[in-house]
Amino acid sequence: MLQLKIVSPEKIEFEGEVESVLVPGTQGQFEILNDHAPLISTLDKGFVEYGTKEGKHRVDILGGFVEVQKNVVSLCVEVKE
């Protein structure tokens, strides 16, 4: 399992355990799974999709950054209203 934290300037959008995270990277969409290599990347406009035990969830974003390190995924994003 991954620990995911999605933060926007207004609030913490989500914090918890997830099975996977799909993000809109500047070079195209990519998925982060358990034991992913360390990574820092910018994010383009699109959506972040993450899967929890309750199902899939989606957050529309205007851009931001993602950091992956030791099964911890941190996103700092601007959320599309």
C-alpha atoms as a PDB file:
ATOM      1  CA  MET A   1       0.000   0.000   0.000  1.00  0.00           C
ATOM      2  CA  LEU A   2       0.966   3.598  -0.608  1.00  0.00           C
ATOM      3  CA  GLN A   3       0.497   6.552   1.705  1.00  0.00           C
ATOM      4  CA  LEU A   4      -1.021   9.396  -0.329  1.00  0.00           C
ATOM      5  CA  LYS A   5      -1.352  13.042   0.642  1.00  0.00           C
ATOM      6  CA  ILE A   6      -2.961  15.532  -1.752  1.00  0.00           C
ATOM      7  CA  VAL A   7      -2.581  19.153  -0.666  1.00  0.00           C
ATOM      8  CA  SER A   8      -4.010  22.278  -2.327  1.00  0.00           C
ATOM      9  CA  PRO A   9      -3.537  25.904  -1.218  1.00  0.00           C
ATOM     10  CA  GLU A  10      -6.992  25.760   0.402  1.00  0.00           C
ATOM     11  CA  LYS A  11      -6.881  22.440   2.298  1.00  0.00           C
ATOM     12  CA  ILE A  12      -5.742  18.840   2.492  1.00  0.00           C
ATOM     13  CA  GLU A  13      -7.814  17.196  -0.261  1.00  0.00           C
ATOM     14  CA  PHE A  14      -7.012  13.602   0.764  1.00  0.00           C
ATOM     15  CA  GLU A  15      -4.732  11.734   3.149  1.00  0.00           C
ATOM     16  CA  GLY A  16      -4.673   7.964   3.540  1.00  0.00           C
ATOM     17  CA  GLU A  17      -3.732   4.540   2.173  1.00  0.00           C
ATOM     18  CA  VAL A  18      -4.194   3.817  -1.519  1.00  0.00           C
ATOM     19  CA  GLU A  19      -3.382   0.967  -3.895  1.00  0.00           C
ATOM     20  CA  SER A  20      -2.333   3.142  -6.852  1.00  0.00           C
ATOM     21  CA  VAL A  21      -2.171   6.756  -8.054  1.00  0.00           C
ATOM     22  CA  LEU A  22      -2.579   7.951 -11.659  1.00  0.00           C
ATOM     23  CA  VAL A  23      -1.239  11.464 -12.354  1.00  0.00           C
ATOM     24  CA  PRO A  24      -1.013  13.780 -15.406  1.00  0.00           C
ATOM     25  CA  GLY A  25       2.750  14.267 -15.797  1.00  0.00           C
ATOM     26  CA  THR A  26       4.123  16.855 -18.216  1.00  0.00           C
ATOM     27  CA  GLN A  27       5.398  14.013 -20.447  1.00  0.00           C
ATOM     28  CA  GLY A  28       2.079  12.146 -20.213  1.00  0.00           C
ATOM     29  CA  GLN A  29      -0.025  10.286 -17.702  1.00  0.00           C
ATOM     30  CA  PHE A  30       1.716   7.763 -15.431  1.00  0.00           C
ATOM     31  CA  GLU A  31       0.773   5.420 -12.614  1.00  0.00           C
ATOM     32  CA  ILE A  32       2.479   5.070  -9.251  1.00  0.00           C
ATOM     33  CA  LEU A  33       2.330   1.643  -7.610  1.00  0.00           C
ATOM     34  CA  ASN A  34       3.838   0.088  -4.486  1.00  0.00           C
ATOM     35  CA  ASP A  35       7.692   0.202  -4.392  1.00  0.00           C
ATOM     36  CA  HIS A  36       7.901   2.864  -7.138  1.00  0.00           C
ATOM     37  CA  ALA A  37      11.334   4.413  -7.661  1.00  0.00           C
ATOM     38  CA  PRO A  38      11.939   7.798  -5.984  1.00  0.00           C
ATOM     39  CA  LEU A  39      10.607  10.597  -8.178  1.00  0.00           C
ATOM     40  CA  ILE A  40       9.866  14.319  -8.326  1.00  0.00           C
ATOM     41  CA  SER A  41       7.811  15.577 -11.285  1.00  0.00           C
ATOM     42  CA  THR A  42       5.653  18.483 -12.385  1.00  0.00           C
ATOM     43  CA  LEU A  43       1.999  17.849 -13.179  1.00  0.00           C
ATOM     44  CA  ASP A  44      -0.100  19.280 -15.992  1.00  0.00           C
ATOM     45  CA  LYS A  45      -3.804  20.058 -16.140  1.00  0.00           C
ATOM     46  CA  GLY A  46      -5.844  16.870 -15.928  1.00  0.00           C
ATOM     47  CA  PHE A  47      -6.957  14.543 -13.163  1.00  0.00           C
ATOM     48  CA  VAL A  48      -5.457  12.550 -10.327  1.00  0.00           C
ATOM     49  CA  GLU A  49      -7.094   9.163  -9.846  1.00  0.00           C
ATOM     50  CA  TYR A  50      -6.428   6.979  -6.811  1.00  0.00           C
ATOM     51  CA  GLY A  51      -7.811   3.653  -5.693  1.00  0.00           C
ATOM     52  CA  THR A  52      -8.779   2.915  -2.108  1.00  0.00           C
ATOM     53  CA  LYS A  53     -10.569  -0.071  -0.589  1.00  0.00           C
ATOM     54  CA  GLU A  54     -13.822   1.876  -1.098  1.00  0.00           C
ATOM     55  CA  GLY A  55     -13.191   2.308  -4.845  1.00  0.00           C
ATOM     56  CA  LYS A  56     -11.675   4.798  -7.278  1.00  0.00           C
ATOM     57  CA  HIS A  57     -11.632   8.536  -6.612  1.00  0.00           C
ATOM     58  CA  ARG A  58     -10.779  11.445  -8.890  1.00  0.00           C
ATOM     59  CA  VAL A  59      -9.567  15.021  -8.358  1.00  0.00           C
ATOM     60  CA  ASP A  60      -9.451  17.459 -11.305  1.00  0.00           C
ATOM     61  CA  ILE A  61      -6.330  19.641 -11.170  1.00  0.00           C
ATOM     62  CA  LEU A  62      -4.852  22.612 -13.014  1.00  0.00           C
ATOM     63  CA  GLY A  63      -1.244  21.564 -12.294  1.00  0.00           C
ATOM     64  CA  GLY A  64       1.215  20.954  -9.492  1.00  0.00           C
ATOM     65  CA  PHE A  65       4.007  18.663  -8.310  1.00  0.00           C
ATOM     66  CA  VAL A  66       4.348  15.045  -7.188  1.00  0.00           C
ATOM     67  CA  GLU A  67       7.027  13.463  -5.000  1.00  0.00           C
ATOM     68  CA  VAL A  68       7.407   9.715  -4.448  1.00  0.00           C
ATOM     69  CA  GLN A  69       9.699   8.312  -1.789  1.00  0.00           C
ATOM     70  CA  LYS A  70       9.550   4.966   0.066  1.00  0.00           C
ATOM     71  CA  ASN A  71       5.859   4.306  -0.738  1.00  0.00           C
ATOM     72  CA  VAL A  72       4.856   7.843   0.294  1.00  0.00           C
ATOM     73  CA  VAL A  73       3.269   9.921  -2.479  1.00  0.00           C
ATOM     74  CA  SER A  74       2.901  13.664  -1.868  1.00  0.00           C
ATOM     75  CA  LEU A  75       0.999  15.898  -4.285  1.00  0.00           C
ATOM     76  CA  CYS A  76       0.878  19.686  -4.127  1.00  0.00           C
ATOM     77  CA  VAL A  77      -1.783  20.716  -6.619  1.00  0.00           C
ATOM     78  CA  GLU A  78      -4.104  23.494  -7.710  1.00  0.00           C
ATOM     79  CA  VAL A  79      -7.589  22.000  -7.734  1.00  0.00           C
ATOM     80  CA  LYS A  80      -9.985  22.853 -10.565  1.00  0.00           C
ATOM     81  CA  GLU A  81     -13.211  24.290  -9.133  1.00  0.00           C
END
